[in-house]
């Protein structure tokens, strides 16, 4: 493998790690994996 090919691969790896951190910070990963609903202050059930 040429030196420029290795350098390009390293740049892609670093960009991948950095972008993963940016995108994962924008989402609640636990909720995405479990499919749990977010809690809201407003109840959807009628008040008795």
Protein backbone atom coordinates (compact mmCIF):
# COMPACT_ATOMS: atom_id res chain seq x y z
CA UNK A 1 0.00 0.00 0.00
CA UNK A 2 1.33 3.42 -0.86
CA UNK A 3 2.14 5.99 1.77
CA UNK A 4 -0.58 8.35 0.51
CA UNK A 5 -3.12 5.52 0.73
CA UNK A 6 -2.26 4.89 4.37
CA UNK A 7 -2.44 8.59 5.14
CA UNK A 8 -5.86 8.81 3.46
CA UNK A 9 -7.08 5.82 5.48
CA UNK A 10 -5.85 7.40 8.70
CA UNK A 11 -7.64 10.67 7.86
CA UNK A 12 -10.87 8.75 7.21
CA UNK A 13 -10.54 6.88 10.51
CA UNK A 14 -10.01 10.09 12.47
CA UNK A 15 -12.92 11.81 10.70
CA UNK A 16 -15.14 8.78 11.41
CA UNK A 17 -14.37 8.86 15.14
CA UNK A 18 -14.91 12.62 15.38
CA UNK A 19 -18.19 12.56 13.45
CA UNK A 20 -19.43 9.62 15.54
CA UNK A 21 -18.94 11.73 18.66
CA UNK A 22 -20.80 14.67 17.12
CA UNK A 23 -23.76 12.63 15.89
CA UNK A 24 -24.06 10.44 18.98
CA UNK A 25 -24.15 13.57 21.13
CA UNK A 26 -27.24 14.69 19.25
CA UNK A 27 -29.23 11.53 20.03
CA UNK A 28 -30.29 9.70 23.16
CA UNK A 29 -28.60 6.39 22.36
CA UNK A 30 -30.30 4.42 25.12
CA UNK A 31 -33.75 5.45 23.91
CA UNK A 32 -32.85 4.63 20.32
CA UNK A 33 -31.61 1.14 21.24
CA UNK A 34 -34.44 0.20 23.59
CA UNK A 35 -37.24 1.97 21.75
CA UNK A 36 -38.39 3.56 25.00
CA UNK A 37 -40.68 6.56 24.84
CA UNK A 38 -39.63 9.84 26.34
CA UNK A 39 -41.46 11.03 29.41
CA UNK A 40 -43.52 14.13 29.02
CA UNK A 41 -45.12 16.33 31.63
CA UNK A 42 -48.51 16.11 29.98
CA UNK A 43 -50.37 12.90 30.69
CA UNK A 44 -52.31 11.25 27.89
CA UNK A 45 -54.68 9.50 30.26
CA UNK A 46 -57.84 11.23 31.52
CA UNK A 47 -57.69 12.71 34.99
CA UNK A 48 -60.16 11.07 37.37
